[in-house]
N, C-alpha and C. Protein backbone atom coordinates (compact mmCIF):
# COMPACT_ATOMS: atom_id res chain seq x y z
N MET A 1 -27.78 -9.35 18.23
CA MET A 1 -26.54 -8.60 18.42
C MET A 1 -25.65 -8.80 17.21
N GLY A 2 -24.45 -9.22 17.44
CA GLY A 2 -23.53 -9.46 16.33
C GLY A 2 -22.80 -8.20 15.92
N ARG A 3 -22.15 -8.34 14.82
CA ARG A 3 -21.32 -7.26 14.29
C ARG A 3 -22.17 -6.25 13.53
N PRO A 4 -21.90 -4.96 13.70
CA PRO A 4 -22.67 -3.96 12.95
C PRO A 4 -22.33 -4.01 11.47
N PRO A 5 -23.27 -3.65 10.60
CA PRO A 5 -23.00 -3.68 9.16
C PRO A 5 -21.92 -2.67 8.78
N LEU A 6 -21.16 -3.00 7.75
CA LEU A 6 -20.10 -2.12 7.28
C LEU A 6 -20.61 -1.08 6.29
N ASN A 7 -21.88 -1.19 5.88
CA ASN A 7 -22.46 -0.30 4.88
C ASN A 7 -21.65 -0.28 3.59
N VAL A 8 -21.34 -1.46 3.11
CA VAL A 8 -20.60 -1.61 1.87
C VAL A 8 -21.37 -2.54 0.94
N LYS A 9 -21.10 -2.43 -0.34
CA LYS A 9 -21.71 -3.30 -1.33
C LYS A 9 -20.63 -4.22 -1.88
N GLU A 10 -20.97 -5.48 -2.01
CA GLU A 10 -20.00 -6.45 -2.51
C GLU A 10 -19.64 -6.15 -3.96
N THR A 11 -18.35 -6.13 -4.23
CA THR A 11 -17.82 -5.94 -5.58
C THR A 11 -16.72 -6.97 -5.78
N LYS A 12 -16.84 -7.74 -6.82
CA LYS A 12 -15.84 -8.76 -7.08
C LYS A 12 -14.74 -8.19 -7.97
N ILE A 13 -13.51 -8.54 -7.63
CA ILE A 13 -12.36 -8.11 -8.42
C ILE A 13 -11.51 -9.33 -8.74
N ARG A 14 -10.71 -9.21 -9.76
CA ARG A 14 -9.81 -10.30 -10.13
C ARG A 14 -8.38 -9.86 -9.83
N LEU A 15 -7.68 -10.70 -9.09
CA LEU A 15 -6.28 -10.45 -8.76
C LEU A 15 -5.47 -11.64 -9.25
N SER A 16 -4.24 -11.38 -9.66
CA SER A 16 -3.37 -12.50 -10.00
C SER A 16 -3.07 -13.28 -8.72
N GLN A 17 -2.71 -14.53 -8.87
CA GLN A 17 -2.37 -15.35 -7.71
C GLN A 17 -1.20 -14.73 -6.96
N GLU A 18 -0.23 -14.19 -7.71
CA GLU A 18 0.93 -13.56 -7.08
C GLU A 18 0.52 -12.37 -6.23
N THR A 19 -0.38 -11.53 -6.75
CA THR A 19 -0.83 -10.36 -6.00
C THR A 19 -1.55 -10.79 -4.73
N LYS A 20 -2.43 -11.76 -4.84
CA LYS A 20 -3.14 -12.25 -3.66
C LYS A 20 -2.17 -12.80 -2.63
N GLU A 21 -1.19 -13.56 -3.07
CA GLU A 21 -0.20 -14.12 -2.15
C GLU A 21 0.59 -13.02 -1.45
N ARG A 22 0.91 -11.96 -2.18
CA ARG A 22 1.64 -10.84 -1.57
C ARG A 22 0.80 -10.16 -0.49
N ILE A 23 -0.49 -9.99 -0.77
CA ILE A 23 -1.38 -9.37 0.22
C ILE A 23 -1.49 -10.27 1.45
N VAL A 24 -1.71 -11.55 1.23
CA VAL A 24 -1.83 -12.50 2.34
C VAL A 24 -0.56 -12.51 3.18
N ALA A 25 0.59 -12.43 2.53
CA ALA A 25 1.86 -12.41 3.26
C ALA A 25 1.97 -11.19 4.17
N LEU A 26 1.37 -10.08 3.75
CA LEU A 26 1.43 -8.86 4.55
C LEU A 26 0.39 -8.80 5.65
N VAL A 27 -0.86 -9.18 5.33
CA VAL A 27 -1.95 -8.93 6.27
C VAL A 27 -2.66 -10.18 6.76
N GLY A 28 -2.34 -11.33 6.20
CA GLY A 28 -3.02 -12.56 6.60
C GLY A 28 -4.25 -12.82 5.74
N ASN A 29 -4.74 -14.02 5.82
CA ASN A 29 -5.83 -14.46 4.95
C ASN A 29 -7.16 -13.81 5.29
N TYR A 30 -7.35 -13.35 6.51
CA TYR A 30 -8.65 -12.83 6.93
C TYR A 30 -8.75 -11.31 6.87
N ARG A 31 -7.71 -10.64 6.39
CA ARG A 31 -7.73 -9.17 6.32
C ARG A 31 -7.59 -8.68 4.89
N ILE A 32 -7.79 -9.56 3.91
CA ILE A 32 -7.63 -9.19 2.50
C ILE A 32 -8.61 -8.09 2.11
N ALA A 33 -9.88 -8.26 2.43
CA ALA A 33 -10.90 -7.27 2.03
C ALA A 33 -10.61 -5.91 2.65
N ALA A 34 -10.26 -5.89 3.92
CA ALA A 34 -9.95 -4.62 4.59
C ALA A 34 -8.74 -3.95 3.93
N PHE A 35 -7.74 -4.74 3.59
CA PHE A 35 -6.55 -4.21 2.93
C PHE A 35 -6.92 -3.58 1.59
N ILE A 36 -7.74 -4.27 0.81
CA ILE A 36 -8.13 -3.76 -0.51
C ILE A 36 -8.98 -2.50 -0.37
N ARG A 37 -9.92 -2.50 0.59
CA ARG A 37 -10.72 -1.28 0.82
C ARG A 37 -9.83 -0.10 1.15
N GLU A 38 -8.87 -0.30 2.04
CA GLU A 38 -7.97 0.78 2.43
C GLU A 38 -7.11 1.24 1.25
N ALA A 39 -6.61 0.30 0.46
CA ALA A 39 -5.79 0.66 -0.70
C ALA A 39 -6.60 1.48 -1.70
N VAL A 40 -7.84 1.09 -1.93
CA VAL A 40 -8.70 1.82 -2.87
C VAL A 40 -8.97 3.23 -2.35
N GLU A 41 -9.30 3.35 -1.08
CA GLU A 41 -9.56 4.68 -0.50
C GLU A 41 -8.32 5.58 -0.60
N ASN A 42 -7.15 5.02 -0.31
CA ASN A 42 -5.91 5.80 -0.40
C ASN A 42 -5.65 6.26 -1.83
N GLU A 43 -5.86 5.37 -2.79
CA GLU A 43 -5.62 5.72 -4.19
C GLU A 43 -6.63 6.75 -4.69
N LEU A 44 -7.88 6.62 -4.27
CA LEU A 44 -8.88 7.63 -4.64
C LEU A 44 -8.50 9.01 -4.10
N ALA A 45 -8.10 9.06 -2.84
CA ALA A 45 -7.70 10.33 -2.24
C ALA A 45 -6.51 10.93 -2.98
N ARG A 46 -5.53 10.09 -3.32
CA ARG A 46 -4.34 10.57 -4.04
C ARG A 46 -4.72 11.15 -5.40
N ARG A 47 -5.56 10.44 -6.12
CA ARG A 47 -5.94 10.90 -7.46
C ARG A 47 -6.84 12.14 -7.41
N GLU A 48 -7.67 12.24 -6.38
CA GLU A 48 -8.51 13.42 -6.25
C GLU A 48 -7.66 14.66 -5.97
N VAL A 49 -6.61 14.51 -5.17
CA VAL A 49 -5.70 15.63 -4.91
C VAL A 49 -5.00 16.03 -6.20
N GLU A 50 -4.52 15.04 -6.96
CA GLU A 50 -3.87 15.32 -8.25
C GLU A 50 -4.81 16.06 -9.20
N ARG A 51 -6.05 15.58 -9.27
CA ARG A 51 -7.06 16.18 -10.15
C ARG A 51 -7.31 17.64 -9.73
N ASP A 52 -7.44 17.87 -8.45
CA ASP A 52 -7.72 19.22 -7.95
C ASP A 52 -6.56 20.17 -8.21
N LYS A 53 -5.33 19.65 -8.14
CA LYS A 53 -4.15 20.49 -8.42
C LYS A 53 -4.10 20.90 -9.87
N SER A 54 -4.53 20.02 -10.77
CA SER A 54 -4.45 20.32 -12.20
C SER A 54 -5.65 21.11 -12.70
N SER A 55 -6.66 21.30 -11.87
CA SER A 55 -7.85 22.07 -12.28
C SER A 55 -7.63 23.56 -12.14
């Protein structure tokens, strides 16, 4: 049983200590990866809309 796979590939990123602390303050120590995934998806969507508008 257990948890179903997330179908994601591990990617390492470097964050400043200050940035990590800010994320932890908002979402807690165990939700960092989910927060970063969501932030990346949101930024990709925003930039894709911008790109499509300028095309």
